[in-house]
Amino acid sequence: MLLFLAAAAAAPAPNLVAPIVGGLRGCWSVGGAVRGKDATSVARGEWHLGRRYFTLHLRSVPPAEPYEAAISYGAGEKPGAIGSFWMDTFGGLYEPSLGLGAVTIDGFALDYRFPDAIYHNRFKRVGKLWSWTILEQAAGKPDKLFAEYKLRPASCRGMNFEF
């Protein structure tokens, strides 16, 4: 028993995701557009594994094109750093699914590096609301807005996600 207590006392503190990410906990009505097309959605944010991970589920609602994503966030190697894994209806497991970023003064930011572009994701909290913008940065081209969302608190009633 003493050996167990000594080992537990020597164990490093859990690497917890930055608390600002948890500001997305709960359910959200999401208005927005992707590449200029309607992307009205619903979202739900939840903590997992003792607050070591946070997952944001996003699902489009008609008339938007069908889309669903589960984006999991975890703590990075340094304080304030954030890592992410993006799973969506396009499927596949490949390097661009991994995002790296950090806490900002009013939210957090992550970058996803694809072979043809970097997608800069910025979450900004304003009171109880969130804005989420994704800028596309392709080599040799000006940056352009890829997606823009506004998240408003919503009831979780009837919001079911498969993941």
Protein backbone atom coordinates (compact mmCIF):
# COMPACT_ATOMS: atom_id res chain seq x y z
CA MET A 1 0.00 0.00 0.00
CA LEU A 2 2.81 2.43 0.87
CA LEU A 3 4.49 1.70 -2.47
CA PHE A 4 1.25 2.56 -4.29
CA LEU A 5 0.88 5.86 -2.39
CA ALA A 6 4.50 6.79 -3.08
CA ALA A 7 4.07 6.07 -6.79
CA ALA A 8 0.84 8.10 -6.90
CA ALA A 9 2.51 11.04 -5.16
CA ALA A 10 5.42 10.93 -7.64
CA ALA A 11 3.13 10.82 -10.70
CA PRO A 12 3.10 14.01 -12.76
CA ALA A 13 0.03 16.23 -12.62
CA PRO A 14 -2.50 15.50 -15.38
CA ASN A 15 -2.00 17.46 -18.57
CA LEU A 16 -5.34 19.27 -18.77
CA VAL A 17 -6.66 21.14 -21.80
CA ALA A 18 -6.79 24.93 -21.40
CA PRO A 19 -9.98 25.99 -19.55
CA ILE A 20 -10.96 28.51 -22.28
CA VAL A 21 -11.71 25.59 -24.62
CA GLY A 22 -14.29 24.40 -22.07
CA GLY A 23 -16.18 27.63 -22.68
CA LEU A 24 -17.70 25.72 -25.61
CA ARG A 25 -19.30 23.23 -23.20
CA GLY A 26 -23.00 22.75 -23.82
CA CYS A 27 -25.17 23.06 -26.91
CA TRP A 28 -25.03 25.70 -29.60
CA SER A 29 -27.04 27.03 -32.50
CA VAL A 30 -24.51 27.72 -35.23
CA GLY A 31 -25.09 30.17 -38.06
CA GLY A 32 -22.49 30.47 -40.73
CA ALA A 33 -21.09 29.82 -44.15
CA VAL A 34 -18.36 27.67 -45.71
CA ARG A 35 -16.91 28.98 -48.97
CA GLY A 36 -19.87 31.35 -49.18
CA LYS A 37 -22.50 28.59 -48.88
CA ASP A 38 -24.94 28.24 -45.99
CA ALA A 39 -23.55 26.05 -43.21
CA THR A 40 -26.27 26.34 -40.56
CA SER A 41 -25.45 23.76 -37.88
CA VAL A 42 -25.88 22.62 -34.31
CA ALA A 43 -22.99 21.86 -31.98
CA ARG A 44 -22.34 20.31 -28.59
CA GLY A 45 -19.17 20.54 -26.52
CA GLU A 46 -18.25 18.00 -23.82
CA TRP A 47 -15.35 17.19 -21.52
CA HIS A 48 -13.86 13.67 -21.60
CA LEU A 49 -11.38 11.57 -19.61
CA GLY A 50 -11.19 13.70 -16.49
CA ARG A 51 -11.07 17.03 -18.38
CA ARG A 52 -7.96 15.94 -20.27
CA TYR A 53 -9.85 16.22 -23.59
CA PHE A 54 -12.68 18.34 -24.88
CA THR A 55 -14.74 17.40 -27.95
CA LEU A 56 -16.80 19.75 -30.08
CA HIS A 57 -19.41 17.96 -32.21
CA LEU A 58 -20.73 19.91 -35.21
CA ARG A 59 -23.58 18.80 -37.49
CA SER A 60 -25.20 20.69 -40.34
CA VAL A 61 -28.96 21.12 -40.49
CA PRO A 62 -31.07 21.58 -43.63
CA PRO A 63 -30.85 23.42 -45.93
CA ALA A 64 -27.06 23.19 -45.50
CA GLU A 65 -25.21 20.35 -47.21
CA PRO A 66 -24.84 17.25 -44.96
CA TYR A 67 -21.72 17.48 -42.79
CA GLU A 68 -20.66 16.26 -39.37
CA ALA A 69 -17.42 16.64 -37.44
CA ALA A 70 -16.03 15.67 -34.04
CA ILE A 71 -13.04 17.81 -33.08
CA SER A 72 -11.13 16.74 -29.97
CA TYR A 73 -8.82 19.13 -28.16
CA GLY A 74 -6.07 18.28 -25.71
CA ALA A 75 -3.27 20.08 -23.93
CA GLY A 76 -0.04 20.72 -25.79
CA GLU A 77 3.48 20.19 -24.53
CA LYS A 78 3.78 23.70 -23.05
CA PRO A 79 1.35 25.69 -20.88
CA GLY A 80 -1.31 27.31 -23.04
CA ALA A 81 -0.58 25.06 -26.03
CA ILE A 82 -3.47 23.12 -27.59
CA GLY A 83 -3.49 20.11 -29.88
CA SER A 84 -6.48 18.88 -31.84
CA PHE A 85 -7.69 15.97 -33.93
CA TRP A 86 -10.41 16.64 -36.53
CA MET A 87 -12.69 13.78 -37.63
CA ASP A 88 -15.46 14.42 -40.13
CA THR A 89 -17.75 12.94 -42.77
CA PHE A 90 -14.96 13.09 -45.35
CA GLY A 91 -13.21 10.32 -43.38
CA GLY A 92 -9.60 9.29 -43.46
CA LEU A 93 -6.75 9.54 -41.03
CA TYR A 94 -3.95 11.70 -42.24
CA GLU A 95 -1.58 14.34 -40.94
CA PRO A 96 -3.69 17.44 -41.75
CA SER A 97 -6.28 16.17 -39.25
CA LEU A 98 -3.86 17.26 -36.51
CA GLY A 99 -4.10 20.88 -35.44
CA LEU A 100 -1.65 22.77 -33.27
CA GLY A 101 -2.21 26.09 -31.57
CA ALA A 102 -2.50 28.03 -28.36
CA VAL A 103 -4.68 30.07 -26.08
CA THR A 104 -5.20 33.69 -27.19
CA ILE A 105 -6.27 36.70 -25.14
CA ASP A 106 -9.96 36.12 -25.96
CA GLY A 107 -10.13 32.45 -27.05
CA PHE A 108 -7.83 30.04 -28.84
CA ALA A 109 -6.36 29.38 -32.28
CA LEU A 110 -5.19 26.27 -34.14
CA ASP A 111 -3.65 25.62 -37.54
CA TYR A 112 -4.24 22.58 -39.73
CA ARG A 113 -1.52 22.07 -42.36
CA PHE A 114 -2.71 20.52 -45.61
CA PRO A 115 -0.41 19.93 -48.60
CA ASP A 116 -1.97 22.81 -50.56
CA ALA A 117 -2.86 25.25 -47.75
CA ILE A 118 -2.86 26.02 -44.04
CA TYR A 119 -6.26 26.49 -42.40
CA HIS A 120 -6.10 28.96 -39.51
CA ASN A 121 -8.95 28.32 -37.04
CA ARG A 122 -9.71 31.15 -34.60
CA PHE A 123 -12.22 30.88 -31.76
CA LYS A 124 -13.11 34.14 -30.07
CA ARG A 125 -15.39 34.46 -27.05
CA VAL A 126 -17.56 37.55 -26.61
CA GLY A 127 -19.73 37.24 -23.51
CA LYS A 128 -21.79 34.04 -23.92
CA LEU A 129 -21.26 33.96 -27.69
CA TRP A 130 -18.41 32.55 -29.78
CA SER A 131 -17.18 33.34 -33.26
CA TRP A 132 -15.18 30.80 -35.23
CA THR A 133 -13.37 31.80 -38.39
CA ILE A 134 -11.26 29.66 -40.68
CA LEU A 135 -8.81 31.41 -43.01
CA GLU A 136 -7.26 29.55 -45.92
CA GLN A 137 -3.62 30.39 -46.63
CA ALA A 138 -2.43 28.86 -49.90
CA ALA A 139 1.13 29.40 -51.13
CA GLY A 140 1.43 32.30 -53.55
CA LYS A 141 -2.19 33.40 -53.04
CA PRO A 142 -3.79 35.98 -50.76
CA ASP A 143 -5.42 34.62 -47.60
CA LYS A 144 -9.15 34.12 -47.96
CA LEU A 145 -12.07 33.41 -45.68
CA PHE A 146 -12.88 29.71 -45.83
CA ALA A 147 -15.58 29.56 -43.14
CA GLU A 148 -17.22 31.77 -40.57
CA TYR A 149 -19.53 30.66 -37.76
CA LYS A 150 -21.41 32.39 -34.94
CA LEU A 151 -22.26 30.14 -31.98
CA ARG A 152 -25.17 30.99 -29.70
CA PRO A 153 -26.22 28.99 -26.62
CA ALA A 154 -29.07 26.55 -27.35
CA SER A 155 -31.07 23.82 -25.65
CA CYS A 156 -29.59 20.33 -25.91
CA ARG A 157 -33.06 18.82 -26.21
CA GLY A 158 -33.23 16.62 -29.30
CA MET A 159 -29.54 17.10 -30.14
CA ASN A 160 -28.15 13.63 -30.77
CA PHE A 161 -24.70 12.94 -32.13
CA GLU A 162 -23.41 9.53 -33.19
CA PHE A 163 -19.95 10.01 -31.74
